[in-house]
Amino acid sequence: MNVLVVGSGGREHALCWAIAKSPLLTKLHCAPGNAGIASVAACVPIAVEDVDGLVAFAQAQAIDLVMVGPETPLVLGLVDRLTEAGILAFGPTQAAAELEGSKAFMKDLVSKYGVPTAWYETFTAAAPAKAFIREKGAPIVVKASGLAAGKGVLLCRTVAEAEAAIDEIMGQRVFGDAGNQVVVEEFLEGEEASFFALVDGKTAWPLAAAQDHKAVGDGDVGPNTGGMGAYSPAPVVDDALTQRIMEEIITPTVRGMAAEGRPFTGVLFAGIMIGRDGTPKLLEHNVRFGDPECQALMVRLKSDLLAVLLAGAQGRLDEVSLEWHEETALTVVMAAQGYPGAYVKNTEIRNLAEADSRPDVLVFHAGTKQDGDKIRAVGGRVLGVTALGATVREAQEKAYAAVDAIDWPEGFCRRDIGWRAVGESVSSV
C-alpha cells in the first residue's frame, strides 16, 4: 500500500514508525514531516493546512490510504475532500471533527445524549461570562471553545483568576478566533486519564489507556501545554473502568453523533476525570491520537497498525483485534526553553544517536529540522523520549537516562513523568 501520514509532530513520527513495520506497506510519505520522520518516510513540504495541496499530492502519488494526525486539517475538512477524490482516509469528516473544533458543540452534544460531564455554560460576550463566574464561585474552569493547540483550558483557583482568564481570551484574544466563544464549567477533582477508541462509524474498539501531564512544571504546576509526557497503561483504568467508560461515554457519543447526522470515523479521545468514588466524567473529546500519548501507545502496540487503520477506514473494525505488549511505555517531552510561551529556536541538539540507540528507547521527533549534519530545534515541544520497562519506575529510569544523554542546553523537561503511578516525584532520577 501507498500511504500518506499528515503532520509533523511526535505523534506523526510514532505513527510513521509503527506503519513502517507493516508488511502491507509499499511506500510511506509524510507531509510535512520532520527530521526524525525522514528516517522512516519520504517527507514532502506540504503544510497540514494546505488541503488543496494534500489532496493533489495524494492523487498524483496514487495514495491508497491517508492517516490524518493533527486536528487542524480534520476541522478544515481534509477527509471530506479526500473522500470526494476517491481516496481512502482514516479520520472524521469536518462535521464530525466539530467534536474538537468546538468545545461548546461537544458539551451540548454529550449533555444531550446523557454522557456524564461537568456542568457548564457557554458565552460569546465577556460580561455575562463574568457574572456566571461570580454566581458559581471558584475554583472554576474557563475554556476557549475553538482550537488552541492544547493551551486553551485555564484552571482558575479564584474568581479574580477566572475573570482575568475571560479578559485574556475574549479581550486580549490570546488564542485568536478560538476565543470567540468560551465555555465556563465545573472544576472537577480526581485523577485524570486519557482514553482512546478506534471508531468506524458503527464499531468502537477501546485502545490502551494512558495518563498525560499537561502542566509545564513538576507537580502539575504552571500553565497548560500540549503535553509534557505520558505513560501507558494507566493503572487507574482497569478492565471494569474501561467497560464503564465505553458504556457511559464512548458509545453514547458515537451513537449521538450518528443520530445528529455526523457519523464518526477515526480516533475518538476522551479526557476522563475519575472521581474519588471511581465515577468517570468526561472532560473533553478530541478527534485524533493525543500527543504525547500516541508515542507511548505505538511502542506498546503489537498489532499491525496499518491493517487496523485500513479496517477502520473501510468500516471493518469488527474484523480486527488489538494486541499489546504488557510492558509500560513512558514518554518524556523535551521542550525549548520558554515553552509554552515564547521559546528559543534554531538551537542545535547533539548526541541524539547515543540516546536513541539505548535498549528499549526510542526518540520521537516533533519540532526538529535537518540542517546539514545537524539537528535543530524549531518548535516548542521538540522531542519525545520514550522507553519500555517492566514497570513504570523502570520505564522512567530508562527514559530519563536517555534524556540526560542528550546534549541540548536550551531544552528542558519535567522530571516527574509517571509520578501518579509511583506515588512520588522522580526528580532524582
Protein backbone atom coordinates (compact mmCIF):
# COMPACT_ATOMS: atom_id res chain seq x y z
CA MET A 1 0.00 0.00 0.00
CA ASN A 2 1.00 3.57 -0.72
CA VAL A 3 0.34 5.55 2.49
CA LEU A 4 0.37 9.24 3.42
CA VAL A 5 0.56 10.45 7.03
CA VAL A 6 -0.34 14.11 7.54
CA GLY A 7 1.51 16.00 10.28
CA SER A 8 4.91 16.92 11.65
CA GLY A 9 4.86 16.18 15.38
CA GLY A 10 5.92 13.43 17.72
CA ARG A 11 2.53 11.78 17.21
CA GLU A 12 3.16 11.54 13.48
CA HIS A 13 6.71 10.23 13.98
CA ALA A 14 5.28 7.46 16.18
CA LEU A 15 2.55 6.69 13.62
CA CYS A 16 5.09 6.57 10.78
CA TRP A 17 7.40 4.36 12.85
CA ALA A 18 4.56 1.90 13.50
CA ILE A 19 3.18 1.94 9.95
CA ALA A 20 6.68 1.42 8.52
CA LYS A 21 6.79 -2.02 10.18
CA SER A 22 3.70 -3.27 8.31
CA PRO A 23 4.13 -5.96 5.63
CA LEU A 24 1.24 -4.27 3.80
CA LEU A 25 3.30 -1.12 3.18
CA THR A 26 4.84 -0.33 -0.21
CA LYS A 27 5.82 3.32 0.30
CA LEU A 28 5.26 5.76 3.16
CA HIS A 29 5.00 9.53 2.74
CA CYS A 30 4.61 12.21 5.40
CA ALA A 31 3.53 15.82 4.90
CA PRO A 32 5.35 17.85 6.01
CA GLY A 33 7.24 15.54 8.41
CA ASN A 34 10.35 16.44 10.39
CA ALA A 35 14.00 15.43 10.76
CA GLY A 36 13.16 12.23 12.63
CA ILE A 37 10.29 11.18 10.40
CA ALA A 38 12.64 11.42 7.41
CA SER A 39 14.35 8.25 8.64
CA VAL A 40 11.20 6.15 8.07
CA ALA A 41 9.17 8.08 5.47
CA ALA A 42 9.57 10.32 2.43
CA CYS A 43 8.82 13.83 3.68
CA VAL A 44 7.04 16.26 1.38
CA PRO A 45 6.87 20.02 2.10
CA ILE A 46 3.10 20.45 2.22
CA ALA A 47 1.61 22.21 5.27
CA VAL A 48 -1.16 20.47 7.20
CA GLU A 49 -3.49 23.43 6.50
CA ASP A 50 -2.95 23.13 2.72
CA VAL A 51 -5.96 20.94 1.98
CA ASP A 52 -5.75 21.51 -1.78
CA GLY A 53 -2.07 20.63 -1.84
CA LEU A 54 -2.55 17.46 0.23
CA VAL A 55 -5.40 16.23 -1.97
CA ALA A 56 -3.43 16.96 -5.14
CA PHE A 57 -0.39 15.11 -3.80
CA ALA A 58 -2.49 12.11 -2.79
CA GLN A 59 -3.97 11.96 -6.29
CA ALA A 60 -0.63 12.39 -8.04
CA GLN A 61 1.04 9.69 -5.95
CA ALA A 62 -1.89 7.24 -6.12
CA ILE A 63 -2.11 7.12 -2.34
CA ASP A 64 -4.14 4.17 -1.06
CA LEU A 65 -4.72 5.42 2.49
CA VAL A 66 -4.28 8.73 4.30
CA MET A 67 -3.85 8.87 8.07
CA VAL A 68 -4.51 12.40 9.34
CA GLY A 69 -2.58 13.12 12.53
CA PRO A 70 -3.42 16.64 13.80
CA GLU A 71 -6.80 18.22 14.43
CA THR A 72 -6.50 21.29 12.18
CA PRO A 73 -6.78 19.55 8.78
CA LEU A 74 -9.64 17.43 10.13
CA VAL A 75 -11.56 20.53 11.20
CA LEU A 76 -10.78 22.08 7.79
CA GLY A 77 -12.44 19.13 6.04
CA LEU A 78 -9.46 17.23 4.62
CA VAL A 79 -11.17 13.84 4.97
CA ASP A 80 -14.23 15.13 3.08
CA ARG A 81 -12.05 16.37 0.24
CA LEU A 82 -10.07 13.13 0.06
CA THR A 83 -13.27 11.09 0.02
CA GLU A 84 -14.67 13.22 -2.80
CA ALA A 85 -11.46 12.48 -4.72
CA GLY A 86 -11.91 8.75 -4.20
CA ILE A 87 -9.03 8.43 -1.72
CA LEU A 88 -9.47 6.36 1.43
CA ALA A 89 -8.76 8.24 4.68
CA PHE A 90 -8.94 7.36 8.36
CA GLY A 91 -10.31 10.28 10.30
CA PRO A 92 -13.57 12.15 10.92
CA THR A 93 -15.41 14.33 8.45
CA GLN A 94 -15.50 18.08 9.01
CA ALA A 95 -18.94 17.77 10.61
CA ALA A 96 -17.74 15.05 12.99
CA ALA A 97 -14.49 16.88 13.77
CA GLU A 98 -16.54 19.65 15.36
CA LEU A 99 -16.37 17.49 18.49
CA GLU A 100 -12.91 19.01 18.90
CA GLY A 101 -13.28 22.13 16.80
CA SER A 102 -15.95 23.50 19.14
CA LYS A 103 -15.92 22.73 22.86
CA ALA A 104 -19.36 24.33 23.05
CA PHE A 105 -20.72 21.88 20.44
CA MET A 106 -19.08 18.97 22.24
CA LYS A 107 -20.57 19.89 25.61
CA ASP A 108 -24.03 20.38 24.11
CA LEU A 109 -23.88 17.02 22.31
CA VAL A 110 -22.69 14.89 25.21
CA SER A 111 -25.15 16.56 27.57
CA LYS A 112 -27.99 15.82 25.13
CA TYR A 113 -27.05 12.14 24.98
CA GLY A 114 -26.53 11.58 28.69
CA VAL A 115 -22.74 11.45 28.95
CA PRO A 116 -21.59 12.33 32.49
CA THR A 117 -19.67 15.61 32.37
CA ALA A 118 -19.11 18.83 34.32
CA TRP A 119 -21.88 21.43 34.49
CA TYR A 120 -21.18 24.29 32.10
CA GLU A 121 -22.41 27.36 30.27
CA THR A 122 -21.23 28.90 27.01
CA PHE A 123 -20.78 32.60 26.25
CA THR A 124 -19.98 34.89 23.33
CA ALA A 125 -19.59 38.03 25.47
CA ALA A 126 -17.38 38.75 28.49
CA ALA A 127 -19.87 40.41 30.84
CA PRO A 128 -22.34 37.51 31.18
CA ALA A 129 -19.44 35.05 31.45
CA LYS A 130 -18.03 37.02 34.39
CA ALA A 131 -21.48 37.24 36.00
CA PHE A 132 -21.80 33.44 35.75
CA ILE A 133 -18.36 33.01 37.31
CA ARG A 134 -19.28 35.26 40.23
CA GLU A 135 -22.51 33.31 40.69
CA LYS A 136 -20.80 29.91 40.71
CA GLY A 137 -17.61 30.84 42.57
CA ALA A 138 -14.21 29.21 42.32
CA PRO A 139 -12.35 27.01 41.58
CA ILE A 140 -13.77 27.00 38.07
CA VAL A 141 -12.58 26.25 34.53
CA VAL A 142 -12.52 28.66 31.58
CA LYS A 143 -12.02 27.26 28.07
CA ALA A 144 -11.62 28.83 24.65
CA SER A 145 -14.18 26.94 22.57
CA GLY A 146 -12.09 26.71 19.38
CA LEU A 147 -8.75 25.09 18.58
CA ALA A 148 -5.94 26.46 20.74
CA ALA A 149 -3.14 23.88 20.36
CA GLY A 150 -3.98 22.26 23.68
CA LYS A 151 -3.43 25.50 25.61
CA GLY A 152 -6.95 26.95 25.72
CA VAL A 153 -8.01 25.45 29.06
CA LEU A 154 -7.42 27.66 32.12
CA LEU A 155 -7.89 26.19 35.60
CA CYS A 156 -8.80 29.11 37.85
CA ARG A 157 -8.48 28.87 41.62
CA THR A 158 -10.17 32.21 42.35
CA VAL A 159 -12.94 34.31 40.85
CA ALA A 160 -10.38 37.01 40.05
CA GLU A 161 -8.28 34.49 38.09
CA ALA A 162 -11.34 33.35 36.16
CA GLU A 163 -12.36 36.91 35.28
CA ALA A 164 -8.81 37.61 34.16
CA ALA A 165 -8.97 34.47 32.00
CA ILE A 166 -12.09 35.83 30.31
CA ASP A 167 -10.26 39.09 29.62
CA GLU A 168 -7.27 37.23 28.17
CA ILE A 169 -9.39 35.01 25.91
CA MET A 170 -12.12 37.41 24.81
CA GLY A 171 -10.44 40.78 25.27
CA GLN A 172 -6.74 40.29 24.59
CA ARG A 173 -7.58 37.36 22.28
CA VAL A 174 -4.54 35.36 23.31
CA PHE A 175 -5.97 32.36 21.43
CA GLY A 176 -7.24 34.35 18.46
CA ASP A 177 -10.56 33.30 16.95
CA ALA A 178 -10.61 30.22 19.20
CA GLY A 179 -11.80 32.61 21.90
CA ASN A 180 -14.84 33.95 20.05
CA GLN A 181 -16.84 31.68 22.32
CA VAL A 182 -15.90 30.43 25.81
CA VAL A 183 -17.08 27.55 27.94
CA VAL A 184 -17.16 28.09 31.70
CA GLU A 185 -17.51 24.84 33.59
CA GLU A 186 -17.26 22.99 36.86
CA PHE A 187 -13.81 22.29 38.28
CA LEU A 188 -13.69 18.51 38.64
CA GLU A 189 -11.33 16.87 41.11
CA GLY A 190 -9.85 13.40 40.99
CA GLU A 191 -7.37 11.56 38.77
CA GLU A 192 -7.17 12.25 35.04
CA ALA A 193 -6.75 9.65 32.34
CA SER A 194 -6.56 9.69 28.54
CA PHE A 195 -8.85 7.15 26.89
CA PHE A 196 -8.78 6.38 23.17
CA ALA A 197 -11.12 4.38 20.97
CA LEU A 198 -10.95 3.50 17.28
CA VAL A 199 -14.31 4.07 15.59
CA ASP A 200 -15.52 3.18 12.09
CA GLY A 201 -18.94 4.81 12.29
CA LYS A 202 -20.60 1.86 13.97
CA THR A 203 -17.96 -0.17 15.83
CA ALA A 204 -15.77 1.25 18.60
CA TRP A 205 -12.67 -0.54 19.89
CA PRO A 206 -11.03 0.66 23.11
CA LEU A 207 -7.30 1.28 22.96
CA ALA A 208 -4.99 1.07 25.95
CA ALA A 209 -5.43 3.94 28.40
CA ALA A 210 -2.70 6.47 29.16
CA GLN A 211 -2.03 9.37 31.50
CA ASP A 212 -0.85 12.71 30.15
CA HIS A 213 0.92 15.51 32.03
CA LYS A 214 -0.45 18.83 30.76
CA ALA A 215 1.08 21.40 33.11
CA VAL A 216 4.53 22.68 32.23
CA GLY A 217 6.11 22.17 35.65
CA ASP A 218 6.86 19.35 38.07
CA GLY A 219 3.99 18.58 40.39
CA ASP A 220 1.48 19.76 37.77
CA VAL A 221 2.15 23.45 38.30
CA GLY A 222 2.26 26.26 35.76
CA PRO A 223 0.32 26.84 32.53
CA ASN A 224 -1.14 24.04 30.44
CA THR A 225 0.81 22.81 27.44
CA GLY A 226 0.17 20.43 24.58
CA GLY A 227 1.54 17.71 26.88
CA MET A 228 4.87 17.28 28.69
CA GLY A 229 4.84 13.49 28.96
CA ALA A 230 2.67 10.39 29.18
CA TYR A 231 2.71 6.74 30.07
CA SER A 232 0.64 3.68 29.21
CA PRO A 233 -1.04 1.63 30.55
CA ALA A 234 -2.59 3.83 33.24
CA PRO A 235 -3.07 1.67 36.35
CA VAL A 236 -6.12 3.69 37.37
CA VAL A 237 -8.04 2.47 34.28
CA ASP A 238 -8.64 -1.21 34.95
CA ASP A 239 -10.91 -3.54 32.96
CA ALA A 240 -14.01 -2.59 34.93
CA LEU A 241 -13.42 1.14 34.44
CA THR A 242 -12.68 0.57 30.73
CA GLN A 243 -16.09 -1.05 30.39
CA ARG A 244 -17.78 1.86 32.20
CA ILE A 245 -16.04 4.45 30.01
CA MET A 246 -17.08 2.59 26.87
CA GLU A 247 -20.69 2.17 28.02
CA GLU A 248 -21.21 5.60 29.61
CA ILE A 249 -19.02 7.88 27.46
CA ILE A 250 -17.71 6.46 24.19
CA THR A 251 -20.77 4.52 22.98
CA PRO A 252 -23.32 7.30 23.76
CA THR A 253 -21.07 9.81 21.98
CA VAL A 254 -20.76 7.61 18.87
CA ARG A 255 -24.49 6.92 18.82
CA GLY A 256 -25.25 10.60 19.40
CA MET A 257 -23.04 11.70 16.53
CA ALA A 258 -24.74 9.21 14.22
CA ALA A 259 -28.18 10.41 15.36
CA GLU A 260 -27.13 14.00 14.61
CA GLY A 261 -26.15 13.05 11.06
CA ARG A 262 -22.44 13.29 11.84
CA PRO A 263 -21.27 9.64 11.96
CA PHE A 264 -17.80 9.43 13.48
CA THR A 265 -14.88 7.55 11.94
CA GLY A 266 -11.37 7.85 13.33
CA VAL A 267 -9.69 8.09 16.71
CA LEU A 268 -12.01 9.32 19.46
CA PHE A 269 -10.19 10.64 22.53
CA ALA A 270 -11.92 11.11 25.85
CA GLY A 271 -10.21 13.08 28.59
CA ILE A 272 -11.56 11.47 31.74
CA MET A 273 -11.67 12.67 35.34
CA ILE A 274 -12.04 9.78 37.75
CA GLY A 275 -13.64 10.95 40.97
CA ARG A 276 -12.79 9.70 44.45
CA ASP A 277 -15.76 7.34 44.22
CA GLY A 278 -14.41 5.88 40.97
CA THR A 279 -17.00 7.57 38.75
CA PRO A 280 -15.66 8.66 35.34
CA LYS A 281 -16.73 12.02 33.92
CA LEU A 282 -15.86 13.45 30.52
CA LEU A 283 -13.59 16.49 30.47
CA GLU A 284 -13.29 16.80 26.69
CA HIS A 285 -13.33 14.92 23.41
CA ASN A 286 -10.61 15.15 20.78
CA VAL A 287 -10.80 13.57 17.35
CA ARG A 288 -7.27 12.19 16.93
CA PHE A 289 -4.46 10.46 18.80
CA GLY A 290 -3.04 12.51 21.63
CA ASP A 291 0.48 13.83 21.58
CA PRO A 292 2.46 12.55 23.54
CA GLU A 293 0.09 9.66 24.41
CA CYS A 294 0.38 8.31 20.86
CA GLN A 295 4.12 7.73 21.29
CA ALA A 296 3.55 5.50 24.32
CA LEU A 297 0.66 3.67 22.67
CA MET A 298 2.52 2.93 19.43
CA VAL A 299 5.52 1.49 21.27
CA ARG A 300 3.19 -0.89 23.14
CA LEU A 301 1.07 -1.91 20.13
CA LYS A 302 1.78 -5.44 18.87
CA SER A 303 -0.86 -5.44 16.13
CA ASP A 304 -0.18 -4.24 12.58
CA LEU A 305 -1.22 -0.59 12.78
CA LEU A 306 -1.67 -0.20 9.04
CA ALA A 307 -4.02 -3.19 8.89
CA VAL A 308 -6.06 -1.72 11.76
CA LEU A 309 -6.26 1.75 10.16
CA LEU A 310 -7.30 0.23 6.83
CA ALA A 311 -10.06 -1.77 8.51
CA GLY A 312 -11.25 1.37 10.30
CA ALA A 313 -11.37 3.40 7.09
CA GLN A 314 -13.30 0.61 5.34
CA GLY A 315 -15.79 0.12 8.19
CA ARG A 316 -14.39 -3.29 9.12
CA LEU A 317 -13.16 -2.78 12.68
CA ASP A 318 -15.27 -5.72 13.82
CA GLU A 319 -12.92 -7.94 11.79
CA VAL A 320 -9.71 -7.00 13.62
CA SER A 321 -8.38 -7.34 17.15
CA LEU A 322 -5.78 -5.36 19.04
CA GLU A 323 -2.83 -6.85 20.91
CA TRP A 324 -0.49 -5.00 23.26
CA HIS A 325 2.88 -5.56 24.85
CA GLU A 326 2.44 -5.92 28.58
CA GLU A 327 5.32 -3.56 29.43
CA THR A 328 4.84 0.08 30.39
CA ALA A 329 5.82 2.73 27.86
CA LEU A 330 6.71 6.21 29.16
CA THR A 331 7.38 9.33 27.11
CA VAL A 332 9.24 12.40 28.39
CA VAL A 333 8.78 15.51 26.26
CA MET A 334 11.79 17.76 25.84
CA ALA A 335 10.74 21.33 25.06
CA ALA A 336 12.53 24.55 24.13
CA GLN A 337 13.21 26.99 26.97
CA GLY A 338 10.32 29.41 27.29
CA TYR A 339 7.61 27.00 26.14
CA PRO A 340 4.57 27.25 26.32
CA GLY A 341 5.27 30.97 25.91
CA ALA A 342 7.80 32.48 23.51
CA TYR A 343 10.61 29.95 23.12
CA VAL A 344 14.11 29.84 21.70
CA LYS A 345 14.53 28.47 18.17
CA ASN A 346 17.20 27.04 15.87
CA THR A 347 19.35 25.65 18.68
CA GLU A 348 21.41 22.56 17.99
CA ILE A 349 20.59 19.21 19.59
CA ARG A 350 23.56 16.90 19.99
CA ASN A 351 24.09 13.25 20.94
CA LEU A 352 20.67 12.09 19.74
CA ALA A 353 22.09 8.94 18.19
CA GLU A 354 23.55 7.79 21.52
CA ALA A 355 20.23 8.31 23.30
CA ASP A 356 18.22 6.64 20.52
CA SER A 357 20.49 3.57 20.43
CA ARG A 358 19.87 2.62 24.05
CA PRO A 359 17.96 -0.63 24.68
CA ASP A 360 14.17 -0.17 24.87
CA VAL A 361 14.43 3.55 23.99
CA LEU A 362 13.03 5.45 21.01
CA VAL A 363 13.45 9.20 20.48
CA PHE A 364 10.50 10.57 18.53
CA HIS A 365 10.98 13.97 16.89
CA ALA A 366 8.44 16.80 16.95
CA GLY A 367 9.81 20.32 16.37
CA THR A 368 13.06 19.45 14.59
CA LYS A 369 14.68 20.14 11.23
CA GLN A 370 17.78 18.85 9.48
CA ASP A 371 20.47 21.48 8.91
CA GLY A 372 23.29 19.77 7.06
CA ASP A 373 24.63 17.21 9.51
CA LYS A 374 22.99 18.95 12.46
CA ILE A 375 19.56 18.59 14.07
CA ARG A 376 18.00 21.87 15.16
CA ALA A 377 15.03 22.62 17.41
CA VAL A 378 12.41 24.72 15.62
CA GLY A 379 9.29 24.08 17.70
CA GLY A 380 8.06 24.36 21.27
CA ARG A 381 7.80 20.67 22.03
CA VAL A 382 10.79 19.15 20.29
CA LEU A 383 11.47 15.53 21.31
CA GLY A 384 9.53 12.66 22.89
CA VAL A 385 12.00 10.34 24.60
CA THR A 386 10.13 7.05 25.00
CA ALA A 387 11.17 3.93 26.90
CA LEU A 388 9.71 0.50 27.63
CA GLY A 389 10.03 -1.11 31.04
CA ALA A 390 8.51 -3.90 33.09
CA THR A 391 7.17 -1.24 35.48
CA VAL A 392 6.53 2.48 35.40
CA ARG A 393 9.63 3.02 37.54
CA GLU A 394 11.82 1.01 35.16
CA ALA A 395 10.47 2.87 32.13
CA GLN A 396 11.12 6.17 33.94
CA GLU A 397 14.71 5.27 34.68
CA LYS A 398 15.41 4.31 31.06
CA ALA A 399 13.68 7.38 29.64
CA TYR A 400 15.42 9.86 31.94
CA ALA A 401 18.81 8.22 31.39
CA ALA A 402 18.30 8.78 27.66
CA VAL A 403 17.15 12.36 28.28
CA ASP A 404 20.32 13.02 30.24
CA ALA A 405 22.43 11.63 27.40
CA ILE A 406 21.08 14.29 25.02
CA ASP A 407 23.19 17.43 24.80
CA TRP A 408 20.76 20.31 24.46
CA PRO A 409 21.31 23.12 26.99
CA GLU A 410 18.44 25.17 25.55
CA GLY A 411 15.92 22.40 26.24
CA PHE A 412 14.08 21.32 29.38
CA CYS A 413 11.67 18.64 30.57
CA ARG A 414 9.57 17.74 33.55
CA ARG A 415 11.38 15.34 35.86
CA ASP A 416 8.29 13.67 37.32
CA ILE A 417 6.53 11.98 34.40
CA GLY A 418 4.66 8.98 35.78
CA TRP A 419 4.52 10.29 39.35
CA ARG A 420 0.89 9.31 39.81
CA ALA A 421 1.68 5.64 39.20
CA VAL A 422 4.67 5.53 41.59
CA GLY A 423 3.26 7.97 44.12
CA GLU A 424 6.31 10.19 44.30
CA SER A 425 8.41 12.69 42.39
CA VAL A 426 11.15 11.29 40.17
CA SER A 427 13.21 14.47 40.15
CA SER A 428 16.15 12.47 41.45
CA VAL A 429 16.03 10.05 38.52
